N, C-alpha and C. Protein backbone atom coordinates (compact mmCIF):
# COMPACT_ATOMS: atom_id res chain seq x y z
N MET A 1 110.01 226.86 152.93
CA MET A 1 110.03 226.91 154.26
C MET A 1 109.01 227.90 155.21
N LYS A 2 109.00 229.08 154.43
CA LYS A 2 108.30 230.34 155.04
C LYS A 2 106.80 229.85 154.61
N LYS A 3 106.43 229.37 153.46
CA LYS A 3 105.13 228.83 153.45
C LYS A 3 104.74 227.73 154.37
N PHE A 4 105.59 226.68 154.77
CA PHE A 4 105.29 225.85 155.49
C PHE A 4 104.70 226.45 156.77
N VAL A 5 105.66 227.27 157.37
CA VAL A 5 105.42 227.81 158.85
C VAL A 5 103.81 228.71 158.76
N LEU A 6 103.47 229.34 157.36
CA LEU A 6 102.27 230.14 157.47
C LEU A 6 101.29 229.28 157.40
N ILE A 7 101.25 227.96 156.74
CA ILE A 7 100.05 227.03 156.48
C ILE A 7 99.92 226.39 158.16
N ILE A 8 101.15 226.25 158.74
CA ILE A 8 100.69 225.69 160.43
C ILE A 8 100.24 226.85 161.03
N LEU A 9 100.60 227.96 160.96
CA LEU A 9 99.71 229.17 161.61
C LEU A 9 98.42 229.37 161.40
N ILE A 10 98.23 229.51 160.14
CA ILE A 10 96.84 229.60 159.58
C ILE A 10 96.09 228.45 160.05
N SER A 11 96.21 227.07 159.99
CA SER A 11 95.63 225.87 160.48
C SER A 11 95.39 226.26 162.03
N LEU A 12 96.43 226.65 162.74
CA LEU A 12 96.11 226.68 164.26
C LEU A 12 95.23 227.69 164.46
N SER A 13 94.97 228.86 163.57
CA SER A 13 93.91 230.06 164.06
C SER A 13 92.76 229.57 163.21
N ALA A 14 92.71 229.03 162.19
CA ALA A 14 91.00 228.55 161.45
C ALA A 14 90.52 227.35 162.31
N THR A 15 90.93 226.77 163.09
CA THR A 15 89.98 225.96 163.98
C THR A 15 89.43 226.84 164.68
N ARG A 16 88.07 226.73 164.77
CA ARG A 16 87.07 227.13 165.74
C ARG A 16 87.37 226.81 167.49
N MET A 17 87.15 228.01 167.94
CA MET A 17 87.94 227.82 169.44
C MET A 17 86.95 228.19 170.54
N SER A 18 85.53 227.37 170.51
CA SER A 18 84.67 227.93 171.29
C SER A 18 84.77 226.84 172.55
N ALA A 19 85.01 226.08 172.49
CA ALA A 19 84.92 225.00 173.64
C ALA A 19 86.20 224.01 173.99
N GLN A 20 87.49 224.47 173.07
CA GLN A 20 88.79 223.94 173.09
C GLN A 20 89.40 223.84 174.27
N GLN A 21 90.18 223.43 174.67
CA GLN A 21 91.32 223.56 175.48
C GLN A 21 92.40 224.42 175.11
N LEU A 22 93.06 225.73 175.61
CA LEU A 22 94.25 225.89 175.12
C LEU A 22 95.34 226.33 176.18
N ALA A 23 96.28 225.68 175.96
CA ALA A 23 97.36 225.70 176.63
C ALA A 23 98.95 226.35 176.49
N ILE A 24 99.81 226.86 176.95
CA ILE A 24 100.78 227.22 176.85
C ILE A 24 101.82 226.92 177.70
N GLY A 25 103.28 226.59 177.26
CA GLY A 25 104.00 225.97 178.04
C GLY A 25 105.49 225.96 177.43
N THR A 26 106.43 225.32 178.47
CA THR A 26 108.13 225.77 177.92
C THR A 26 108.50 224.46 178.34
N ASN A 27 109.61 223.95 177.77
CA ASN A 27 110.37 222.83 178.02
C ASN A 27 111.40 223.07 178.92
N VAL A 28 111.50 222.84 179.82
CA VAL A 28 112.66 223.17 181.13
C VAL A 28 113.83 222.70 180.77
N LEU A 29 113.78 221.24 180.38
CA LEU A 29 115.27 220.84 179.80
C LEU A 29 115.84 221.77 178.44
N MET A 30 115.05 222.09 177.63
CA MET A 30 115.85 223.09 177.00
C MET A 30 116.13 224.39 177.31
N ASP A 31 115.38 224.72 178.38
CA ASP A 31 115.81 226.19 178.92
C ASP A 31 117.29 225.73 180.04
N ALA A 32 117.06 224.63 180.68
CA ALA A 32 118.12 224.53 181.07
C ALA A 32 119.72 224.59 180.40
N LEU A 33 119.48 224.07 178.99
CA LEU A 33 120.33 224.02 177.99
C LEU A 33 120.58 225.53 177.06
N MET A 34 120.08 226.53 178.00
CA MET A 34 120.03 227.90 177.41
C MET A 34 119.27 227.82 175.71
N MET A 35 118.32 227.17 175.84
CA MET A 35 117.46 227.27 174.46
C MET A 35 116.28 227.84 174.84
N PRO A 36 116.05 229.17 174.82
CA PRO A 36 114.61 229.67 175.12
C PRO A 36 113.36 229.08 174.10
N ASN A 37 112.31 228.68 174.45
CA ASN A 37 111.32 227.94 173.85
C ASN A 37 110.10 228.22 174.30
N ILE A 38 108.93 228.18 173.48
CA ILE A 38 107.49 228.37 174.21
C ILE A 38 106.77 227.15 173.08
N GLY A 39 105.67 226.86 173.59
CA GLY A 39 104.59 225.82 172.97
C GLY A 39 103.40 226.30 173.31
N VAL A 40 102.27 226.02 172.29
CA VAL A 40 101.10 226.39 172.34
C VAL A 40 100.23 225.10 171.79
N GLU A 41 99.33 224.67 172.87
CA GLU A 41 98.52 223.62 172.25
C GLU A 41 97.03 223.86 172.58
N MET A 42 96.41 223.45 171.39
CA MET A 42 94.89 223.64 171.14
C MET A 42 94.36 222.29 170.95
N GLY A 43 93.31 222.04 171.70
CA GLY A 43 92.60 220.95 171.72
C GLY A 43 91.53 221.02 170.62
N LEU A 44 91.08 219.86 170.31
CA LEU A 44 90.62 219.87 168.54
C LEU A 44 89.01 220.17 168.43
N GLY A 45 88.36 219.79 169.48
CA GLY A 45 86.68 219.92 169.51
C GLY A 45 85.89 218.72 170.18
N LYS A 46 84.95 218.51 169.65
CA LYS A 46 83.92 217.76 170.61
C LYS A 46 83.99 216.23 169.85
N SER A 47 84.05 215.95 168.73
CA SER A 47 83.98 214.85 167.90
C SER A 47 84.98 213.87 168.88
N HIS A 48 84.59 212.59 168.47
CA HIS A 48 85.09 211.24 169.26
C HIS A 48 87.02 211.63 169.32
N PHE A 49 87.47 211.36 167.93
CA PHE A 49 88.83 211.88 167.88
C PHE A 49 89.44 212.83 168.55
N ALA A 50 88.68 214.17 167.87
CA ALA A 50 89.01 215.68 168.19
C ALA A 50 89.28 215.85 170.00
N GLU A 51 88.31 215.18 170.37
CA GLU A 51 88.24 215.58 172.12
C GLU A 51 89.61 214.59 172.73
N ARG A 52 89.99 214.07 171.78
CA ARG A 52 91.31 213.13 172.37
C ARG A 52 92.44 213.61 171.91
N SER A 53 92.43 214.57 170.86
CA SER A 53 93.58 215.12 170.23
C SER A 53 93.91 216.58 170.61
N VAL A 54 95.13 216.88 170.48
CA VAL A 54 95.80 218.39 170.38
C VAL A 54 96.78 218.73 169.33
N LEU A 55 96.56 219.74 168.99
CA LEU A 55 97.31 220.31 167.76
C LEU A 55 98.49 221.21 168.52
N GLY A 56 99.77 221.15 168.49
CA GLY A 56 100.78 222.12 168.98
C GLY A 56 101.48 222.52 168.13
N LEU A 57 101.84 223.87 168.45
CA LEU A 57 103.13 224.54 167.84
C LEU A 57 104.09 225.10 168.77
N HIS A 58 105.20 224.26 168.54
CA HIS A 58 106.50 224.74 169.52
C HIS A 58 107.50 225.23 168.64
N GLY A 59 108.20 226.42 169.54
CA GLY A 59 109.25 226.73 168.63
C GLY A 59 110.70 227.30 169.91
N TYR A 60 111.78 227.37 169.28
CA TYR A 60 113.11 227.45 170.22
C TYR A 60 113.84 228.15 169.39
N PHE A 61 115.02 228.76 170.05
CA PHE A 61 115.77 229.70 169.70
C PHE A 61 117.12 229.47 170.59
N ILE A 62 118.23 229.61 169.90
CA ILE A 62 119.61 229.57 170.79
C ILE A 62 120.55 230.37 170.01
N ARG A 63 121.30 231.09 171.01
CA ARG A 63 122.64 232.02 170.52
C ARG A 63 123.42 231.94 171.51
N LYS A 64 124.47 231.39 171.01
CA LYS A 64 126.01 231.69 171.79
C LYS A 64 125.48 231.07 173.23
N PRO A 65 125.23 229.63 173.55
CA PRO A 65 125.49 229.14 174.85
C PRO A 65 126.53 229.03 175.41
N TRP A 66 126.84 229.27 176.55
CA TRP A 66 128.13 229.04 177.40
C TRP A 66 129.24 229.55 176.42
N GLY A 67 129.05 230.75 175.81
CA GLY A 67 130.21 231.06 174.97
C GLY A 67 130.48 230.67 173.70
N LYS A 68 129.69 229.58 173.09
CA LYS A 68 130.01 228.85 172.15
C LYS A 68 129.32 229.27 170.87
N ASP A 69 129.98 228.99 169.79
CA ASP A 69 129.61 229.40 168.57
C ASP A 69 128.42 228.72 168.17
N VAL A 70 127.42 228.77 168.36
CA VAL A 70 126.14 228.23 167.97
C VAL A 70 124.85 229.29 167.96
N LYS A 71 124.10 229.22 166.29
CA LYS A 71 123.17 229.97 166.29
C LYS A 71 122.07 228.91 165.82
N ALA A 72 120.67 229.02 166.15
CA ALA A 72 119.75 227.99 165.68
C ALA A 72 118.54 228.39 166.05
N TRP A 73 117.54 228.18 165.15
CA TRP A 73 116.07 228.18 165.22
C TRP A 73 115.46 227.20 164.97
N GLY A 74 114.09 226.79 165.49
CA GLY A 74 113.29 225.99 164.86
C GLY A 74 111.88 225.90 165.24
N ILE A 75 111.01 225.31 164.45
CA ILE A 75 109.62 225.31 164.78
C ILE A 75 108.94 223.61 164.61
N GLN A 76 108.11 223.39 165.31
CA GLN A 76 107.60 222.05 165.67
C GLN A 76 106.28 222.07 165.68
N PRO A 77 105.73 221.51 164.75
CA PRO A 77 104.05 221.63 164.70
C PRO A 77 104.03 220.11 164.94
N GLU A 78 102.77 219.76 165.77
CA GLU A 78 102.65 218.43 166.45
C GLU A 78 101.21 217.80 166.36
N LEU A 79 100.76 216.99 166.10
CA LEU A 79 99.22 216.39 166.47
C LEU A 79 99.29 215.43 167.24
N ARG A 80 98.79 215.47 168.74
CA ARG A 80 98.74 214.36 169.90
C ARG A 80 97.70 213.94 169.83
N TYR A 81 97.78 212.37 170.20
CA TYR A 81 96.49 211.76 170.59
C TYR A 81 96.65 211.22 171.53
N PHE A 82 95.57 211.62 172.78
CA PHE A 82 95.58 211.11 174.06
C PHE A 82 94.90 209.64 173.93
N PHE A 83 95.32 208.42 174.98
CA PHE A 83 94.68 207.10 175.11
C PHE A 83 93.65 207.40 176.37
N SER A 84 93.98 208.31 177.28
CA SER A 84 93.05 208.48 178.07
C SER A 84 91.37 208.87 177.96
N GLY A 85 91.31 209.31 176.89
CA GLY A 85 89.73 209.80 176.36
C GLY A 85 89.66 211.05 176.49
N ARG A 86 90.61 212.32 177.07
CA ARG A 86 90.59 213.45 177.04
C ARG A 86 91.95 213.93 177.06
N ALA A 87 91.71 215.26 176.15
CA ALA A 87 93.09 215.73 175.78
C ALA A 87 93.74 216.56 176.87
N MET A 88 95.21 216.62 176.80
CA MET A 88 96.09 217.10 177.81
C MET A 88 96.15 216.07 179.11
N SER A 89 96.03 214.93 179.08
CA SER A 89 95.80 214.05 180.24
C SER A 89 96.34 212.49 180.02
N ARG A 90 97.16 211.96 180.69
CA ARG A 90 98.05 210.78 180.88
C ARG A 90 98.76 210.57 179.22
N TRP A 91 98.90 209.21 178.82
CA TRP A 91 99.60 208.62 177.73
C TRP A 91 99.45 209.34 176.50
N PHE A 92 100.10 209.55 175.58
CA PHE A 92 99.77 210.19 174.44
C PHE A 92 100.83 209.60 173.10
N PHE A 93 100.39 209.62 172.06
CA PHE A 93 101.32 209.51 170.71
C PHE A 93 101.23 210.67 169.98
N GLY A 94 102.03 211.20 169.20
CA GLY A 94 102.18 212.27 168.42
C GLY A 94 102.93 212.06 167.27
N ILE A 95 102.45 212.93 166.30
CA ILE A 95 103.30 212.93 164.81
C ILE A 95 103.27 214.39 164.50
N GLY A 96 104.59 214.58 164.35
CA GLY A 96 105.07 216.18 164.21
C GLY A 96 105.85 216.43 163.26
N ALA A 97 106.19 217.69 162.81
CA ALA A 97 107.34 218.04 161.97
C ALA A 97 108.22 218.73 162.47
N HIS A 98 109.34 218.96 161.84
CA HIS A 98 110.51 220.07 162.46
C HIS A 98 111.22 220.57 161.16
N VAL A 99 111.03 222.14 161.38
CA VAL A 99 111.80 223.04 160.40
C VAL A 99 112.92 223.67 161.17
N ALA A 100 114.23 223.77 160.77
CA ALA A 100 115.36 224.37 161.69
C ALA A 100 116.42 225.06 160.57
N LYS A 101 116.96 226.00 161.29
CA LYS A 101 117.97 226.75 160.82
C LYS A 101 119.22 226.95 161.34
N TYR A 102 120.45 226.75 161.20
CA TYR A 102 121.39 226.63 162.06
C TYR A 102 122.71 226.92 161.40
N ASP A 103 123.38 227.62 162.61
CA ASP A 103 124.87 227.89 162.25
C ASP A 103 126.05 227.47 163.35
N VAL A 104 126.50 226.38 163.11
CA VAL A 104 127.31 225.67 164.33
C VAL A 104 128.84 225.80 163.94
N THR A 105 129.56 226.29 165.01
CA THR A 105 131.08 226.27 164.55
C THR A 105 131.57 224.97 165.89
N TRP A 106 132.16 224.11 165.45
CA TRP A 106 132.52 222.93 166.44
C TRP A 106 133.82 222.29 166.16
N SER A 107 134.73 222.36 167.10
CA SER A 107 136.02 222.26 166.97
C SER A 107 136.61 222.48 165.46
N SER A 108 136.42 223.91 165.32
CA SER A 108 136.90 224.61 163.83
C SER A 108 136.45 224.27 162.73
N LYS A 109 135.30 223.01 162.89
CA LYS A 109 134.43 222.94 161.90
C LYS A 109 133.14 223.78 161.78
N VAL A 110 132.43 224.03 160.50
CA VAL A 110 131.48 225.05 160.54
C VAL A 110 130.26 224.31 159.86
N TYR A 111 129.12 224.36 160.36
CA TYR A 111 128.02 223.93 159.69
C TYR A 111 126.90 224.64 159.80
N ASN A 112 126.48 225.31 158.38
CA ASN A 112 125.57 226.35 158.24
C ASN A 112 124.63 225.74 157.35
N GLY A 113 123.25 225.55 157.85
CA GLY A 113 122.01 225.21 156.81
C GLY A 113 120.89 225.19 157.35
N ASN A 114 119.95 224.21 156.92
CA ASN A 114 118.50 224.20 157.43
C ASN A 114 118.20 222.52 157.44
N ALA A 115 117.29 222.41 157.92
CA ALA A 115 116.80 221.02 157.98
C ALA A 115 115.09 221.01 158.19
N ILE A 116 114.63 219.95 157.38
CA ILE A 116 113.16 219.70 157.40
C ILE A 116 112.82 218.41 157.93
N GLY A 117 111.92 217.78 158.66
CA GLY A 117 111.70 216.46 158.70
C GLY A 117 110.61 216.22 159.64
N ALA A 118 110.40 214.94 159.82
CA ALA A 118 109.04 214.61 160.50
C ALA A 118 109.35 213.42 161.66
N GLY A 119 108.54 213.16 162.83
CA GLY A 119 108.63 212.32 163.50
C GLY A 119 107.75 211.76 164.56
N LEU A 120 107.98 210.84 165.32
CA LEU A 120 107.10 210.42 166.27
C LEU A 120 107.37 210.74 167.88
N THR A 121 106.41 211.05 168.35
CA THR A 121 106.45 211.39 169.89
C THR A 121 105.71 210.44 170.86
N PHE A 122 106.42 210.07 171.77
CA PHE A 122 105.57 209.38 173.08
C PHE A 122 105.59 209.90 174.49
N GLY A 123 104.67 209.68 175.44
CA GLY A 123 104.78 210.65 176.28
C GLY A 123 103.76 210.41 177.52
N TYR A 124 104.03 211.21 178.42
CA TYR A 124 102.84 210.85 179.79
C TYR A 124 102.63 212.78 180.11
N VAL A 125 101.25 213.04 180.32
CA VAL A 125 101.17 214.41 181.05
C VAL A 125 100.45 214.09 182.50
N PHE A 126 101.22 214.44 183.39
CA PHE A 126 100.84 214.40 184.76
C PHE A 126 100.09 215.53 185.16
N ASN A 127 98.67 215.83 185.44
CA ASN A 127 97.82 216.64 186.02
C ASN A 127 98.02 217.04 187.28
N LEU A 128 98.81 218.21 187.60
CA LEU A 128 99.11 218.67 188.63
C LEU A 128 97.94 219.19 189.52
N THR A 129 97.16 220.12 188.78
CA THR A 129 96.27 220.96 188.93
C THR A 129 95.22 221.05 187.94
N LYS A 130 94.06 221.26 188.12
CA LYS A 130 93.14 221.63 187.16
C LYS A 130 93.58 222.36 185.66
N ARG A 131 94.70 223.32 186.18
CA ARG A 131 95.31 223.84 184.93
C ARG A 131 96.62 223.91 184.83
N LEU A 132 97.45 222.96 185.41
CA LEU A 132 98.65 223.11 185.38
C LEU A 132 99.08 221.61 184.95
N ASN A 133 99.88 221.09 184.25
CA ASN A 133 100.42 219.81 183.99
C ASN A 133 101.90 220.07 183.69
N ILE A 134 102.40 218.60 184.07
CA ILE A 134 103.77 218.43 183.60
C ILE A 134 103.79 217.15 182.42
N ASP A 135 104.59 217.68 181.32
CA ASP A 135 104.31 216.70 180.15
C ASP A 135 106.02 216.26 180.11
N VAL A 136 105.93 214.68 180.11
CA VAL A 136 107.31 214.15 180.14
C VAL A 136 107.36 213.27 178.65
N HIS A 137 108.22 213.67 177.44
CA HIS A 137 107.86 213.32 176.03
C HIS A 137 109.32 212.79 175.66
N SER A 138 109.37 211.98 174.78
CA SER A 138 110.46 211.56 173.62
C SER A 138 109.98 211.51 172.46
N GLY A 139 110.96 211.83 171.65
CA GLY A 139 110.45 211.38 170.05
C GLY A 139 111.87 211.26 169.38
N PHE A 140 111.51 210.61 168.07
CA PHE A 140 112.79 210.56 167.13
C PHE A 140 112.16 210.73 165.62
N GLY A 141 112.81 211.35 164.77
CA GLY A 141 112.74 211.41 163.69
C GLY A 141 113.58 211.46 162.19
N ALA A 142 112.91 211.63 161.26
CA ALA A 142 113.84 211.85 160.11
C ALA A 142 114.21 213.09 159.38
N LEU A 143 115.27 213.45 159.45
CA LEU A 143 115.63 214.97 158.97
C LEU A 143 116.54 214.90 157.98
N TYR A 144 116.13 215.95 156.57
CA TYR A 144 116.63 215.94 155.50
C TYR A 144 117.31 217.47 156.16
N TYR A 145 118.78 217.43 155.76
CA TYR A 145 119.50 218.83 155.77
C TYR A 145 120.26 219.01 154.53
N ARG A 146 120.81 220.31 154.59
CA ARG A 146 121.15 220.91 153.14
C ARG A 146 121.87 221.88 154.00
N GLN A 147 123.27 221.75 153.78
CA GLN A 147 124.30 222.49 154.77
C GLN A 147 125.63 223.19 153.85
N LYS A 148 126.07 224.00 154.25
CA LYS A 148 127.61 224.53 153.82
C LYS A 148 128.47 223.92 155.05
N GLU A 149 129.24 222.94 154.81
CA GLU A 149 130.30 222.43 155.90
C GLU A 149 131.67 222.69 155.38
N HIS A 150 132.33 223.50 155.84
CA HIS A 150 133.63 223.71 155.89
C HIS A 150 134.53 223.96 157.25
N PHE A 151 135.91 224.00 157.30
CA PHE A 151 136.68 224.48 157.95
C PHE A 151 136.92 225.77 158.35
N GLU A 152 137.04 226.36 159.57
CA GLU A 152 137.45 227.71 159.64
C GLU A 152 138.68 228.21 158.87
N GLY A 153 138.64 229.50 158.02
CA GLY A 153 139.80 229.99 157.50
C GLY A 153 139.82 229.54 156.05
N ASP A 154 138.83 228.35 155.64
CA ASP A 154 138.49 227.86 154.15
C ASP A 154 138.24 228.93 153.43
N PHE A 155 138.49 228.92 152.26
CA PHE A 155 137.73 229.83 151.57
C PHE A 155 136.48 229.27 150.61
N TYR A 156 135.46 229.22 151.69
CA TYR A 156 134.36 228.50 151.09
C TYR A 156 133.59 229.38 149.91
N ASP A 157 133.42 230.68 150.55
CA ASP A 157 132.55 231.60 149.73
C ASP A 157 133.22 231.76 148.26
N THR A 158 134.33 231.77 148.17
CA THR A 158 135.04 231.72 146.57
C THR A 158 134.94 230.57 146.25
N GLU A 159 135.26 229.47 146.87
CA GLU A 159 135.34 227.96 146.24
C GLU A 159 133.84 227.41 145.90
N TYR A 160 133.03 227.88 146.30
CA TYR A 160 131.87 227.03 146.22
C TYR A 160 130.60 228.20 145.58
N SER A 161 131.05 229.15 145.33
CA SER A 161 130.21 230.05 144.42
C SER A 161 129.81 230.09 143.11
N ARG A 162 128.82 229.81 142.74
CA ARG A 162 128.22 229.71 141.29
C ARG A 162 127.38 230.38 141.01
N THR A 163 127.76 231.72 139.84
CA THR A 163 127.00 232.81 139.44
C THR A 163 126.57 233.57 140.63
N GLY A 164 127.17 233.79 141.37
CA GLY A 164 127.44 234.74 142.53
C GLY A 164 126.50 234.29 143.64
N HIS A 165 126.08 232.96 143.54
CA HIS A 165 125.31 232.41 145.12
C HIS A 165 126.23 231.27 145.61
N ILE A 166 126.31 231.20 146.60
CA ILE A 166 127.11 230.20 147.71
C ILE A 166 126.24 228.93 147.73
N VAL A 167 126.47 227.86 147.15
CA VAL A 167 125.62 226.66 147.29
C VAL A 167 126.26 225.84 147.99
N PRO A 168 125.29 224.81 148.82
CA PRO A 168 125.58 224.08 149.96
C PRO A 168 126.56 222.78 149.30
N ASN A 169 127.41 222.41 150.00
CA ASN A 169 128.35 221.26 149.78
C ASN A 169 128.00 219.86 150.35
N SER A 170 126.86 220.00 151.31
CA SER A 170 126.52 218.64 151.95
C SER A 170 125.19 218.62 152.21
N ARG A 171 124.55 217.67 151.91
CA ARG A 171 123.05 217.41 152.14
C ARG A 171 122.70 215.86 152.37
N GLY A 172 121.71 215.69 153.14
CA GLY A 172 121.41 213.66 153.41
C GLY A 172 120.41 214.03 154.40
N TYR A 173 120.19 212.78 154.80
CA TYR A 173 119.33 212.19 155.63
C TYR A 173 119.76 212.08 157.02
N THR A 174 119.37 211.66 158.26
CA THR A 174 119.45 211.46 159.41
C THR A 174 118.65 211.17 160.14
N LEU A 175 118.45 210.27 161.18
CA LEU A 175 117.79 209.82 162.09
C LEU A 175 118.16 210.65 163.48
N LEU A 176 117.30 211.11 163.94
CA LEU A 176 117.63 211.63 165.29
C LEU A 176 116.58 211.96 166.53
N PRO A 177 116.93 212.29 167.68
CA PRO A 177 115.97 212.81 168.66
C PRO A 177 115.52 213.97 168.19
N THR A 178 114.21 214.02 168.12
CA THR A 178 113.61 215.50 167.77
C THR A 178 112.67 216.20 168.79
N ARG A 179 112.15 215.38 169.76
CA ARG A 179 111.63 215.91 170.70
C ARG A 179 111.92 215.31 172.06
N ILE A 180 112.38 215.62 172.92
CA ILE A 180 113.06 215.24 174.31
C ILE A 180 112.85 216.38 175.34
N GLY A 181 112.06 216.05 176.15
CA GLY A 181 111.99 217.21 177.28
C GLY A 181 110.94 216.71 178.42
N VAL A 182 110.94 217.72 179.40
CA VAL A 182 110.16 217.55 180.47
C VAL A 182 109.18 219.13 180.42
N SER A 183 108.04 219.22 180.04
CA SER A 183 107.54 220.96 179.66
C SER A 183 106.58 221.00 180.83
N ILE A 184 106.35 222.22 181.21
CA ILE A 184 105.38 222.77 182.46
C ILE A 184 104.24 223.35 181.40
N THR A 185 103.25 222.84 181.42
CA THR A 185 101.92 223.63 180.68
C THR A 185 100.92 224.29 181.39
N TYR A 186 100.62 225.32 180.99
CA TYR A 186 99.49 226.10 181.94
C TYR A 186 97.97 226.25 180.66
N ILE A 187 97.30 225.55 181.33
CA ILE A 187 96.02 225.45 180.49
C ILE A 187 95.17 226.87 180.71
N ILE A 188 95.20 227.47 179.76
CA ILE A 188 94.86 228.84 180.03
C ILE A 188 93.08 229.01 179.50
N LYS A 189 92.37 228.29 179.00
CA LYS A 189 90.89 228.10 178.71
C LYS A 189 90.41 226.56 178.51
């Protein structure tokens, strides 16, 4: 998982940044749910496909919202294609990935694991000013998860330990919403 994140960061920094747009933003719906988040988007260049495309990297973190025992973080790289002819304007379609780690206690049941997946995003960007945008988006995707799932008070650490390592007892695939939000984006360059 660390290699995946490193590859995305290298990809973002390796692109030539002479005339591309660069924007930073936050998803206000996630902020309202007490999930601090930040996103960086970069236009890809001057060729026909590249001038209509944006590469983004979005990250979030959550820890004990409203006193609930929830801890999680995630990273979402995404490639967006805009149908309007220029990046960061009007209708778009995106394809992205999702990497997350979580530790959630819900109704005395504990879920502790990680997930990786891919999905599609659709949305619209409203250009308020030359530098300020509002981005409305929705997406879904398939996630593979691997987790330790048990009830509070169980002897999970001793029952599922093999040669000193605690192993996950639950894994699988699920379809979930992966990107839902209203983002405020500021174009830096």
